[in-house]
Structure formats: structure tokens, C-alpha cells
PDB file of N, CA and C in Angstrom:
ATOM      1  N   GLU A   1      16.375 -39.489  -5.145  1.00  0.00           N
ATOM      2  CA  GLU A   1      16.854 -38.356  -4.419  1.00  0.00           C
ATOM      3  C   GLU A   1      16.842 -37.044  -5.242  1.00  0.00           C
ATOM      4  N   GLU A   2      17.185 -37.079  -6.466  1.00  0.00           N
ATOM      5  CA  GLU A   2      17.160 -35.970  -7.339  1.00  0.00           C
ATOM      6  C   GLU A   2      15.709 -35.546  -7.566  1.00  0.00           C
ATOM      7  N   ASP A   3      14.854 -36.561  -7.749  1.00  0.00           N
ATOM      8  CA  ASP A   3      13.385 -36.265  -7.981  1.00  0.00           C
ATOM      9  C   ASP A   3      12.810 -35.599  -6.588  1.00  0.00           C
ATOM     10  N   ASP A   4      13.230 -36.116  -5.479  1.00  0.00           N
ATOM     11  CA  ASP A   4      12.785 -35.471  -4.235  1.00  0.00           C
ATOM     12  C   ASP A   4      13.226 -33.996  -4.147  1.00  0.00           C
ATOM     13  N   ARG A   5      14.386 -33.758  -4.589  1.00  0.00           N
ATOM     14  CA  ARG A   5      14.894 -32.400  -4.549  1.00  0.00           C
ATOM     15  C   ARG A   5      14.094 -31.493  -5.548  1.00  0.00           C
ATOM     16  N   LYS A   6      13.803 -32.013  -6.656  1.00  0.00           N
ATOM     17  CA  LYS A   6      12.983 -31.256  -7.671  1.00  0.00           C
ATOM     18  C   LYS A   6      11.633 -30.973  -7.128  1.00  0.00           C
ATOM     19  N   ILE A   7      10.995 -32.041  -6.462  1.00  0.00           N
ATOM     20  CA  ILE A   7       9.640 -31.845  -5.891  1.00  0.00           C
ATOM     21  C   ILE A   7       9.678 -30.744  -4.786  1.00  0.00           C
ATOM     22  N   ARG A   8      10.683 -30.921  -3.874  1.00  0.00           N
ATOM     23  CA  ARG A   8      10.790 -29.889  -2.759  1.00  0.00           C
ATOM     24  C   ARG A   8      11.012 -28.468  -3.382  1.00  0.00           C
ATOM     25  N   ARG A   9      11.898 -28.392  -4.340  1.00  0.00           N
ATOM     26  CA  ARG A   9      12.154 -27.096  -4.921  1.00  0.00           C
ATOM     27  C   ARG A   9      10.934 -26.480  -5.642  1.00  0.00           C
ATOM     28  N   ARG A  10      10.165 -27.423  -6.319  1.00  0.00           N
ATOM     29  CA  ARG A  10       8.938 -26.873  -7.007  1.00  0.00           C
ATOM     30  C   ARG A  10       7.941 -26.424  -6.034  1.00  0.00           C
ATOM     31  N   GLU A  11       7.815 -27.205  -4.856  1.00  0.00           N
ATOM     32  CA  GLU A  11       6.857 -26.896  -3.818  1.00  0.00           C
ATOM     33  C   GLU A  11       7.222 -25.518  -3.146  1.00  0.00           C
ATOM     34  N   LYS A  12       8.502 -25.379  -2.879  1.00  0.00           N
ATOM     35  CA  LYS A  12       9.055 -24.135  -2.328  1.00  0.00           C
ATOM     36  C   LYS A  12       8.750 -22.968  -3.210  1.00  0.00           C
ATOM     37  N   ASN A  13       9.002 -23.135  -4.476  1.00  0.00           N
ATOM     38  CA  ASN A  13       8.762 -22.134  -5.530  1.00  0.00           C
ATOM     39  C   ASN A  13       7.269 -21.777  -5.603  1.00  0.00           C
ATOM     40  N   ARG A  14       6.422 -22.755  -5.474  1.00  0.00           N
ATOM     41  CA  ARG A  14       4.957 -22.564  -5.599  1.00  0.00           C
ATOM     42  C   ARG A  14       4.537 -21.773  -4.349  1.00  0.00           C
ATOM     43  N   VAL A  15       4.943 -22.121  -3.203  1.00  0.00           N
ATOM     44  CA  VAL A  15       4.640 -21.362  -1.985  1.00  0.00           C
ATOM     45  C   VAL A  15       5.144 -19.890  -2.091  1.00  0.00           C
ATOM     46  N   ALA A  16       6.300 -19.685  -2.589  1.00  0.00           N
ATOM     47  CA  ALA A  16       6.860 -18.344  -2.742  1.00  0.00           C
ATOM     48  C   ALA A  16       6.084 -17.484  -3.733  1.00  0.00           C
ATOM     49  N   ALA A  17       5.644 -18.156  -4.789  1.00  0.00           N
ATOM     50  CA  ALA A  17       4.786 -17.470  -5.768  1.00  0.00           C
ATOM     51  C   ALA A  17       3.482 -17.090  -5.179  1.00  0.00           C
ATOM     52  N   GLN A  18       2.872 -18.018  -4.326  1.00  0.00           N
ATOM     53  CA  GLN A  18       1.633 -17.653  -3.670  1.00  0.00           C
ATOM     54  C   GLN A  18       1.741 -16.487  -2.783  1.00  0.00           C
ATOM     55  N   ARG A  19       2.842 -16.497  -2.016  1.00  0.00           N
ATOM     56  CA  ARG A  19       3.115 -15.365  -1.056  1.00  0.00           C
ATOM     57  C   ARG A  19       3.270 -14.076  -1.864  1.00  0.00           C
ATOM     58  N   SER A  20       3.978 -14.099  -3.013  1.00  0.00           N
ATOM     59  CA  SER A  20       4.177 -12.930  -3.773  1.00  0.00           C
ATOM     60  C   SER A  20       2.921 -12.470  -4.371  1.00  0.00           C
ATOM     61  N   ARG A  21       2.047 -13.270  -4.859  1.00  0.00           N
ATOM     62  CA  ARG A  21       0.779 -12.809  -5.410  1.00  0.00           C
ATOM     63  C   ARG A  21      -0.188 -12.287  -4.277  1.00  0.00           C
ATOM     64  N   LYS A  22      -0.106 -12.896  -3.145  1.00  0.00           N
ATOM     65  CA  LYS A  22      -0.867 -12.348  -2.077  1.00  0.00           C
ATOM     66  C   LYS A  22      -0.402 -10.973  -1.585  1.00  0.00           C
ATOM     67  N   LYS A  23       0.875 -10.806  -1.538  1.00  0.00           N
ATOM     68  CA  LYS A  23       1.508  -9.558  -1.150  1.00  0.00           C
ATOM     69  C   LYS A  23       1.132  -8.428  -2.227  1.00  0.00           C
ATOM     70  N   GLN A  24       1.097  -8.741  -3.487  1.00  0.00           N
ATOM     71  CA  GLN A  24       0.763  -7.801  -4.560  1.00  0.00           C
ATOM     72  C   GLN A  24      -0.740  -7.487  -4.431  1.00  0.00           C
ATOM     73  N   THR A  25      -1.588  -8.498  -4.134  1.00  0.00           N
ATOM     74  CA  THR A  25      -3.030  -8.162  -3.996  1.00  0.00           C
ATOM     75  C   THR A  25      -3.257  -7.230  -2.801  1.00  0.00           C
ATOM     76  N   GLN A  26      -2.521  -7.551  -1.623  1.00  0.00           N
ATOM     77  CA  GLN A  26      -2.695  -6.665  -0.490  1.00  0.00           C
ATOM     78  C   GLN A  26      -2.242  -5.268  -0.740  1.00  0.00           C
ATOM     79  N   LYS A  27      -1.208  -5.110  -1.530  1.00  0.00           N
ATOM     80  CA  LYS A  27      -0.668  -3.757  -1.869  1.00  0.00           C
ATOM     81  C   LYS A  27      -1.678  -3.006  -2.722  1.00  0.00           C
ATOM     82  N   ALA A  28      -2.244  -3.765  -3.741  1.00  0.00           N
ATOM     83  CA  ALA A  28      -3.236  -3.112  -4.599  1.00  0.00           C
ATOM     84  C   ALA A  28      -4.440  -2.702  -3.758  1.00  0.00           C
ATOM     85  N   ASP A  29      -4.934  -3.611  -2.859  1.00  0.00           N
ATOM     86  CA  ASP A  29      -6.124  -3.280  -2.046  1.00  0.00           C
ATOM     87  C   ASP A  29      -5.852  -2.033  -1.181  1.00  0.00           C
ATOM     88  N   LYS A  30      -4.611  -1.920  -0.580  1.00  0.00           N
ATOM     89  CA  LYS A  30      -4.291  -0.851   0.233  1.00  0.00           C
ATOM     90  C   LYS A  30      -4.298   0.516  -0.662  1.00  0.00           C
ATOM     91  N   LEU A  31      -3.724   0.423  -1.809  1.00  0.00           N
ATOM     92  CA  LEU A  31      -3.699   1.592  -2.675  1.00  0.00           C
ATOM     93  C   LEU A  31      -5.066   2.058  -3.058  1.00  0.00           C
ATOM     94  N   HIS A  32      -5.982   1.061  -3.346  1.00  0.00           N
ATOM     95  CA  HIS A  32      -7.354   1.365  -3.678  1.00  0.00           C
ATOM     96  C   HIS A  32      -8.056   2.074  -2.517  1.00  0.00           C
ATOM     97  N   GLU A  33      -7.829   1.539  -1.280  1.00  0.00           N
ATOM     98  CA  GLU A  33      -8.423   2.247  -0.055  1.00  0.00           C
ATOM     99  C   GLU A  33      -7.930   3.591   0.084  1.00  0.00           C
ATOM    100  N   GLU A  34      -6.649   3.818  -0.170  1.00  0.00           N
ATOM    101  CA  GLU A  34      -6.074   5.092  -0.018  1.00  0.00           C
ATOM    102  C   GLU A  34      -6.637   6.036  -1.078  1.00  0.00           C
ATOM    103  N   TYR A  35      -6.782   5.557  -2.285  1.00  0.00           N
ATOM    104  CA  TYR A  35      -7.343   6.341  -3.357  1.00  0.00           C
ATOM    105  C   TYR A  35      -8.809   6.809  -2.969  1.00  0.00           C
ATOM    106  N   GLU A  36      -9.604   5.869  -2.493  1.00  0.00           N
ATOM    107  CA  GLU A  36     -10.946   6.251  -2.074  1.00  0.00           C
ATOM    108  C   GLU A  36     -10.975   7.258  -0.989  1.00  0.00           C
ATOM    109  N   CYS A  37     -10.054   7.132  -0.027  1.00  0.00           N
ATOM    110  CA  CYS A  37     -10.013   8.191   1.034  1.00  0.00           C
ATOM    111  C   CYS A  37      -9.578   9.541   0.527  1.00  0.00           C
ATOM    112  N   LEU A  38      -8.654   9.503  -0.403  1.00  0.00           N
ATOM    113  CA  LEU A  38      -8.258  10.838  -0.974  1.00  0.00           C
ATOM    114  C   LEU A  38      -9.328  11.464  -1.874  1.00  0.00           C
ATOM    115  N   GLU A  39     -10.059  10.636  -2.532  1.00  0.00           N
ATOM    116  CA  GLU A  39     -11.196  11.110  -3.355  1.00  0.00           C
ATOM    117  C   GLU A  39     -12.253  11.832  -2.392  1.00  0.00           C
ATOM    118  N   GLN A  40     -12.492  11.160  -1.394  1.00  0.00           N
ATOM    119  CA  GLN A  40     -13.561  11.746  -0.354  1.00  0.00           C
ATOM    120  C   GLN A  40     -12.943  12.996   0.219  1.00  0.00           C
ATOM    121  N   GLU A  41     -11.713  13.075   0.530  1.00  0.00           N
ATOM    122  CA  GLU A  41     -11.143  14.279   1.102  1.00  0.00           C
ATOM    123  C   GLU A  41     -11.107  15.404   0.121  1.00  0.00           C
ATOM    124  N   ASN A  42     -10.784  15.043  -1.157  1.00  0.00           N
ATOM    125  CA  ASN A  42     -10.766  16.009  -2.232  1.00  0.00           C
ATOM    126  C   ASN A  42     -12.160  16.650  -2.419  1.00  0.00           C
ATOM    127  N   THR A  43     -13.263  15.780  -2.424  1.00  0.00           N
ATOM    128  CA  THR A  43     -14.627  16.260  -2.516  1.00  0.00           C
ATOM    129  C   THR A  43     -14.951  17.215  -1.398  1.00  0.00           C
ATOM    130  N   SER A  44     -14.601  16.799  -0.163  1.00  0.00           N
ATOM    131  CA  SER A  44     -14.867  17.596   1.021  1.00  0.00           C
ATOM    132  C   SER A  44     -14.170  19.063   0.898  1.00  0.00           C
ATOM    133  N   LEU A  45     -12.922  18.960   0.493  1.00  0.00           N
ATOM    134  CA  LEU A  45     -12.159  20.170   0.366  1.00  0.00           C
ATOM    135  C   LEU A  45     -12.742  21.125  -0.683  1.00  0.00           C
ATOM    136  N   LYS A  46     -13.214  20.562  -1.838  1.00  0.00           N
ATOM    137  CA  LYS A  46     -13.776  21.374  -2.913  1.00  0.00           C
ATOM    138  C   LYS A  46     -15.078  21.994  -2.304  1.00  0.00           C
ATOM    139  N   ARG A  47     -15.921  21.227  -1.537  1.00  0.00           N
ATOM    140  CA  ARG A  47     -17.091  21.802  -0.906  1.00  0.00           C
ATOM    141  C   ARG A  47     -16.665  22.933   0.017  1.00  0.00           C
ATOM    142  N   GLU A  48     -15.653  22.756   0.825  1.00  0.00           N
ATOM    143  CA  GLU A  48     -15.178  23.782   1.710  1.00  0.00           C
ATOM    144  C   GLU A  48     -14.756  25.080   0.942  1.00  0.00           C
ATOM    145  N   ILE A  49     -13.999  24.906  -0.110  1.00  0.00           N
ATOM    146  CA  ILE A  49     -13.590  25.964  -1.012  1.00  0.00           C
ATOM    147  C   ILE A  49     -14.822  26.778  -1.457  1.00  0.00           C
ATOM    148  N   GLY A  50     -15.867  26.060  -1.924  1.00  0.00           N
ATOM    149  CA  GLY A  50     -17.068  26.683  -2.369  1.00  0.00           C
ATOM    150  C   GLY A  50     -17.742  27.570  -1.282  1.00  0.00           C
ATOM    151  N   LYS A  51     -17.855  26.915  -0.134  1.00  0.00           N
ATOM    152  CA  LYS A  51     -18.419  27.726   1.011  1.00  0.00           C
ATOM    153  C   LYS A  51     -17.595  28.971   1.371  1.00  0.00           C
ATOM    154  N   LEU A  52     -16.270  28.788   1.426  1.00  0.00           N
ATOM    155  CA  LEU A  52     -15.382  29.898   1.793  1.00  0.00           C
ATOM    156  C   LEU A  52     -15.486  31.006   0.693  1.00  0.00           C
ATOM    157  N   THR A  53     -15.589  30.616  -0.528  1.00  0.00           N
ATOM    158  CA  THR A  53     -15.714  31.548  -1.658  1.00  0.00           C
ATOM    159  C   THR A  53     -16.999  32.414  -1.478  1.00  0.00           C
ATOM    160  N   ASP A  54     -18.070  31.662  -1.220  1.00  0.00           N
ATOM    161  CA  ASP A  54     -19.301  32.361  -0.969  1.00  0.00           C
ATOM    162  C   ASP A  54     -19.321  33.325   0.171  1.00  0.00           C
ATOM    163  N   GLU A  55     -18.694  32.924   1.270  1.00  0.00           N
ATOM    164  CA  GLU A  55     -18.503  33.746   2.486  1.00  0.00           C
ATOM    165  C   GLU A  55     -17.673  35.004   2.188  1.00  0.00           C
ATOM    166  N   MET A  56     -16.503  34.785   1.376  1.00  0.00           N
ATOM    167  CA  MET A  56     -15.677  35.864   1.003  1.00  0.00           C
ATOM    168  C   MET A  56     -16.438  36.909   0.186  1.00  0.00           C
ATOM    169  N   LYS A  57     -17.258  36.395  -0.775  1.00  0.00           N
ATOM    170  CA  LYS A  57     -18.057  37.224  -1.675  1.00  0.00           C
ATOM    171  C   LYS A  57     -19.034  38.103  -0.804  1.00  0.00           C
ATOM    172  N   HIS A  58     -19.765  37.366   0.127  1.00  0.00           N
ATOM    173  CA  HIS A  58     -20.652  38.027   0.905  1.00  0.00           C
ATOM    174  C   HIS A  58     -20.015  39.139   1.805  1.00  0.00           C
ATOM    175  N   LEU A  59     -18.883  38.759   2.385  1.00  0.00           N
ATOM    176  CA  LEU A  59     -18.165  39.788   3.222  1.00  0.00           C
ATOM    177  C   LEU A  59     -17.729  40.977   2.410  1.00  0.00           C
ATOM    178  N   SER A  60     -17.213  40.669   1.192  1.00  0.00           N
ATOM    179  CA  SER A  60     -16.818  41.721   0.338  1.00  0.00           C
ATOM    180  C   SER A  60     -17.919  42.651  -0.018  1.00  0.00           C
ATOM    181  N   ASP A  61     -19.103  42.077  -0.251  1.00  0.00           N
ATOM    182  CA  ASP A  61     -20.269  42.934  -0.529  1.00  0.00           C
ATOM    183  C   ASP A  61     -20.685  43.733   0.768  1.00  0.00           C
ATOM    184  N   VAL A  62     -20.622  43.169   1.870  1.00  0.00           N
ATOM    185  CA  VAL A  62     -20.957  43.844   3.105  1.00  0.00           C
ATOM    186  C   VAL A  62     -19.999  45.036   3.304  1.00  0.00           C
ATOM    187  N   LEU A  63     -18.725  44.807   3.025  1.00  0.00           N
ATOM    188  CA  LEU A  63     -17.649  45.823   3.150  1.00  0.00           C
ATOM    189  C   LEU A  63     -17.930  46.974   2.168  1.00  0.00           C
ATOM    190  N   LYS A  64     -18.271  46.677   0.981  1.00  0.00           N
ATOM    191  CA  LYS A  64     -18.572  47.700  -0.053  1.00  0.00           C
ATOM    192  C   LYS A  64     -19.700  48.553   0.344  1.00  0.00           C
ATOM    193  N   ASP A  65     -20.805  47.821   0.865  1.00  0.00           N
ATOM    194  CA  ASP A  65     -21.926  48.634   1.434  1.00  0.00           C
ATOM    195  C   ASP A  65     -21.569  49.542   2.515  1.00  0.00           C
ATOM    196  N   HIS A  66     -20.736  48.990   3.385  1.00  0.00           N
ATOM    197  CA  HIS A  66     -20.338  49.809   4.562  1.00  0.00           C
ATOM    198  C   HIS A  66     -19.528  51.094   4.160  1.00  0.00           C
ATOM    199  N   GLU A  67     -18.602  50.825   3.172  1.00  0.00           N
ATOM    200  CA  GLU A  67     -17.815  51.907   2.654  1.00  0.00           C
ATOM    201  C   GLU A  67     -18.653  53.031   2.088  1.00  0.00           C
ATOM    202  N   LYS A  68     -19.773  52.630   1.474  1.00  0.00           N
ATOM    203  CA  LYS A  68     -20.723  53.731   0.926  1.00  0.00           C
ATOM    204  C   LYS A  68     -21.256  54.561   2.025  1.00  0.00           C
ATOM    205  N   ILE A  69     -21.509  53.946   3.159  1.00  0.00           N
ATOM    206  CA  ILE A  69     -22.048  54.691   4.332  1.00  0.00           C
ATOM    207  C   ILE A  69     -21.093  55.553   4.960  1.00  0.00           C
ATOM    208  N   CYS A  70     -19.859  55.103   5.069  1.00  0.00           N
ATOM    209  CA  CYS A  70     -18.795  55.889   5.721  1.00  0.00           C
ATOM    210  C   CYS A  70     -18.348  56.979   4.931  1.00  0.00           C
TER     211      CYS A  70
END
């Protein structure tokens, strides 16, 4: 009877440990996916900043040229 209890307890603990490891793995996978998405978004935003900076420079030059005429 005591051996049966130990066996059941050991099995229950083994299953709980498996669940815990699976949960940790899923959490790590989710964080990795989130990281990848944020990296892509960051790259995209940097590209947009570059385009907007170029546009601002162009418009500033156009304004300076216009001021010379006026």
C-alpha cells in the first residue's frame, strides 16, 4: 500500500513536471515570436523615419528656394 502511494505520487510528480516544462517552452516560444515581430516593426519604423527625414529635407530646401523668390 505504501509502495503504491509512492508510485502514484511519483507518477503525479512526473506528469506535473512535464506540464511545467511544456508551459515554459510555450512561454519561451511566444516570447521569441513577439521578439521577431518587434524586430520587424522596428526595422519598418526606422525605414519610415529615413523616408520622412528625406522628405522633410526636400521640403525645407523647396521652402528656402521659394523664400529667395518672394
